[in-house]
Amino acid sequence: MILQHINMSNPRFFTILLTFVVLASCGQPEPRRPIQQKTGKFFGANLERNKRLLAQEEKLIKETIAKDSLHHYEHTASGSWFYYVKKNDEASYLPQPNDLVTLAYNVMGFANDTIYTGESIGIVKYKVDMEELFPGLRYSVKLLKIGETATFLFPSSLAYGYPGDGDKIGMNTPIKSTITILKIEKDSLLINEP
């Protein structure tokens, strides 16, 4: 009934209608809020659990080192420990990012139980920092020169972590690995630099 009294051909009507539509649509969009606010309790608890696990594994590593009077262990910045089986004092070059490193390694438990033999793994060609290996191996390759062999002790966080490898290595399992650097092919970009 009200519409019958309004003359729709009146330009004033369209101006008022257009003004109303523009003003109604000028509001800022309201961000959607989560139904439940998450707290950091889960992450805090997880962090504390991981700290306790790392402390237990470091204690186990230190006990293993204390029992081994034949070798001198060095601690790395990444959190592993190692000793040289064979050292090459004549070489000076350490693998750099993008170098192609040919290596052999095995994986053992801390009780010297063989998990993967070097033969079952085979010779590995690894482009430094460009391919996926377990974290401890990625860091360790950069510490050894050509012809060197070293045995590393890795906490589980530097090994296969929480999930394990899905086959023979269980979750949160610290490992031992003997690594040999067979060949280092320098990155072609580094060779061509003056």
Protein backbone atom coordinates (compact mmCIF):
# COMPACT_ATOMS: atom_id res chain seq x y z
CA MET A 1 0.00 0.00 0.00
CA ILE A 2 2.81 2.39 0.77
CA LEU A 3 4.31 1.60 -2.62
CA GLN A 4 1.13 2.81 -4.31
CA HIS A 5 1.73 6.33 -2.96
CA ILE A 6 5.38 6.45 -4.09
CA ASN A 7 5.95 7.55 -7.60
CA MET A 8 8.76 5.26 -8.81
CA SER A 9 9.55 7.41 -11.81
CA ASN A 10 10.50 10.26 -9.48
CA PRO A 11 14.30 10.85 -9.64
CA ARG A 12 14.24 11.76 -5.97
CA PHE A 13 13.08 8.23 -5.11
CA PHE A 14 16.04 6.68 -6.95
CA THR A 15 18.48 9.07 -5.27
CA ILE A 16 17.18 8.15 -1.82
CA LEU A 17 17.21 4.44 -2.67
CA LEU A 18 20.74 4.62 -4.08
CA THR A 19 21.96 6.54 -1.00
CA PHE A 20 20.42 3.94 1.30
CA VAL A 21 22.07 1.03 -0.59
CA VAL A 22 25.50 2.73 -0.60
CA LEU A 23 25.35 3.54 3.12
CA ALA A 24 24.18 0.04 4.00
CA SER A 25 27.08 -1.56 2.11
CA CYS A 26 29.83 0.70 3.51
CA GLY A 27 30.47 -1.37 6.64
CA GLN A 28 33.78 -3.24 7.01
CA PRO A 29 33.56 -7.00 6.66
CA GLU A 30 33.48 -8.72 10.03
CA PRO A 31 36.23 -11.29 10.45
CA ARG A 32 35.01 -14.72 11.37
CA ARG A 33 35.95 -15.74 14.87
CA PRO A 34 36.70 -19.31 15.92
CA ILE A 35 33.99 -21.04 17.89
CA GLN A 36 36.55 -22.16 20.46
CA GLN A 37 39.67 -20.26 21.37
CA LYS A 38 42.74 -22.51 21.24
CA THR A 39 45.36 -22.15 23.90
CA GLY A 40 49.02 -22.99 23.71
CA LYS A 41 48.63 -25.75 26.30
CA PHE A 42 48.98 -28.54 23.75
CA PHE A 43 52.15 -27.07 22.28
CA GLY A 44 53.55 -26.31 25.72
CA ALA A 45 52.93 -29.89 26.88
CA ASN A 46 54.41 -31.25 23.66
CA LEU A 47 57.47 -29.04 24.05
CA GLU A 48 58.00 -30.22 27.62
CA ARG A 49 57.65 -33.86 26.56
CA ASN A 50 60.20 -33.35 23.78
CA LYS A 51 62.64 -31.68 26.18
CA ARG A 52 62.36 -34.62 28.61
CA LEU A 53 62.84 -37.10 25.77
CA LEU A 54 65.92 -35.26 24.50
CA ALA A 55 67.38 -35.13 28.02
CA GLN A 56 66.86 -38.91 28.40
CA GLU A 57 68.46 -39.59 25.04
CA GLU A 58 71.42 -37.30 25.77
CA LYS A 59 71.92 -39.15 29.06
CA LEU A 60 71.92 -42.46 27.15
CA ILE A 61 74.43 -41.05 24.64
CA LYS A 62 76.72 -39.81 27.43
CA GLU A 63 76.53 -43.22 29.13
CA THR A 64 77.43 -44.89 25.82
CA ILE A 65 80.39 -42.52 25.40
CA ALA A 66 81.55 -43.14 28.99
CA LYS A 67 81.61 -46.91 28.34
CA ASP A 68 83.70 -46.45 25.17
CA SER A 69 87.23 -45.72 26.37
CA LEU A 70 88.77 -46.49 22.96
CA HIS A 71 87.46 -43.42 21.13
CA HIS A 72 87.55 -39.66 21.55
CA TYR A 73 84.08 -38.22 20.87
CA GLU A 74 83.37 -34.72 19.62
CA HIS A 75 80.08 -32.88 20.10
CA THR A 76 78.61 -31.13 17.05
CA ALA A 77 76.66 -27.89 16.91
CA SER A 78 73.63 -29.81 15.61
CA GLY A 79 73.47 -31.99 18.74
CA SER A 80 75.14 -35.25 17.73
CA TRP A 81 78.39 -36.82 18.91
CA PHE A 82 81.00 -38.56 16.78
CA TYR A 83 84.45 -40.08 16.64
CA TYR A 84 86.72 -40.59 13.67
CA VAL A 85 87.30 -44.14 12.47
CA LYS A 86 89.56 -42.85 9.69
CA LYS A 87 90.73 -39.26 9.43
CA ASN A 88 92.19 -37.60 6.32
CA ASP A 89 94.60 -34.85 7.40
CA GLU A 90 95.76 -34.26 3.83
CA ALA A 91 92.35 -33.08 2.58
CA SER A 92 90.99 -29.71 3.59
CA TYR A 93 87.77 -29.29 1.61
CA LEU A 94 84.46 -29.88 3.43
CA PRO A 95 81.26 -30.39 1.42
CA GLN A 96 79.33 -27.20 0.68
CA PRO A 97 75.71 -26.69 -0.41
CA ASN A 98 75.03 -28.02 -3.93
CA ASP A 99 78.13 -30.26 -3.94
CA LEU A 100 77.47 -33.84 -4.99
CA VAL A 101 78.75 -36.19 -2.28
CA THR A 102 79.06 -39.93 -2.74
CA LEU A 103 78.85 -41.70 0.60
CA ALA A 104 78.21 -44.99 2.31
CA TYR A 105 76.61 -45.41 5.71
CA ASN A 106 74.91 -47.91 7.96
CA VAL A 107 72.35 -47.57 10.75
CA MET A 108 72.66 -49.32 14.12
CA GLY A 109 70.99 -49.19 17.49
CA PHE A 110 72.91 -48.15 20.58
CA ALA A 111 73.38 -51.81 21.53
CA ASN A 112 75.38 -52.22 18.28
CA ASP A 113 72.48 -54.09 16.72
CA THR A 114 72.53 -53.57 12.96
CA ILE A 115 69.30 -52.06 11.65
CA TYR A 116 70.43 -51.38 8.07
CA THR A 117 73.78 -52.55 6.73
CA GLY A 118 75.83 -50.41 4.40
CA GLU A 119 75.26 -53.05 1.72
CA SER A 120 71.48 -52.92 2.06
CA ILE A 121 71.51 -49.11 1.82
CA GLY A 122 74.08 -49.06 -0.98
CA ILE A 123 76.23 -46.19 -2.17
CA VAL A 124 74.35 -42.90 -1.93
CA LYS A 125 74.85 -39.80 -4.09
CA TYR A 126 73.64 -36.79 -2.16
CA LYS A 127 73.38 -33.18 -3.34
CA VAL A 128 74.27 -31.29 -0.15
CA ASP A 129 71.31 -29.45 1.40
CA MET A 130 69.15 -30.13 -1.66
CA GLU A 131 67.87 -33.65 -0.96
CA GLU A 132 66.12 -35.40 1.87
CA LEU A 133 68.13 -37.60 4.20
CA PHE A 134 67.48 -37.92 7.90
CA PRO A 135 68.58 -34.67 9.63
CA GLY A 136 71.65 -36.04 11.42
CA LEU A 137 73.06 -37.45 8.20
CA ARG A 138 72.49 -34.15 6.36
CA TYR A 139 74.47 -32.28 9.05
CA SER A 140 77.19 -34.94 9.39
CA VAL A 141 78.07 -35.05 5.70
CA LYS A 142 79.25 -31.43 5.97
CA LEU A 143 81.70 -32.33 8.78
CA LEU A 144 83.67 -34.97 6.90
CA LYS A 145 86.30 -34.65 4.18
CA ILE A 146 86.87 -37.04 1.31
CA GLY A 147 88.13 -40.43 2.51
CA GLU A 148 87.06 -39.88 6.11
CA THR A 149 84.92 -42.29 8.11
CA ALA A 150 83.26 -41.42 11.39
CA THR A 151 80.70 -42.98 13.71
CA PHE A 152 77.92 -40.66 14.84
CA LEU A 153 75.47 -40.97 17.74
CA PHE A 154 72.17 -39.26 16.96
CA PRO A 155 69.29 -38.49 19.32
CA SER A 156 65.95 -39.44 17.78
CA SER A 157 65.25 -35.81 16.84
CA LEU A 158 68.22 -35.99 14.46
CA ALA A 159 67.41 -39.53 13.34
CA TYR A 160 63.94 -40.51 12.18
CA GLY A 161 62.06 -38.63 14.91
CA TYR A 162 58.64 -39.42 16.26
CA PRO A 163 57.34 -41.55 13.37
CA GLY A 164 60.48 -43.65 12.87
CA ASP A 165 61.20 -44.81 9.33
CA GLY A 166 58.01 -46.83 8.96
CA ASP A 167 59.94 -50.08 8.77
CA LYS A 168 62.72 -51.16 11.14
CA ILE A 169 63.26 -47.99 13.19
CA GLY A 170 60.60 -47.34 15.79
CA MET A 171 59.36 -43.99 17.00
CA ASN A 172 61.75 -41.82 19.01
CA THR A 173 64.70 -44.17 18.51
CA PRO A 174 68.21 -42.76 18.84
CA ILE A 175 70.63 -44.34 16.37
CA LYS A 176 74.28 -44.83 15.61
CA SER A 177 75.65 -44.51 12.08
CA THR A 178 79.08 -44.98 10.53
CA ILE A 179 79.50 -42.67 7.54
CA THR A 180 82.22 -42.74 4.88
CA ILE A 181 82.72 -39.95 2.34
CA LEU A 182 83.83 -41.59 -0.90
CA LYS A 183 83.82 -38.65 -3.29
CA ILE A 184 83.03 -34.92 -3.33
CA GLU A 185 82.14 -33.23 -6.61
CA LYS A 186 82.23 -29.48 -6.09
CA ASP A 187 79.29 -27.41 -7.27
CA SER A 188 80.00 -26.13 -10.79
CA LEU A 189 79.04 -22.59 -9.74
CA LEU A 190 81.73 -22.61 -7.04
CA ILE A 191 84.35 -23.94 -9.46
CA ASN A 192 83.71 -21.14 -11.97
CA GLU A 193 83.93 -18.33 -9.41
CA PRO A 194 87.20 -16.33 -9.48
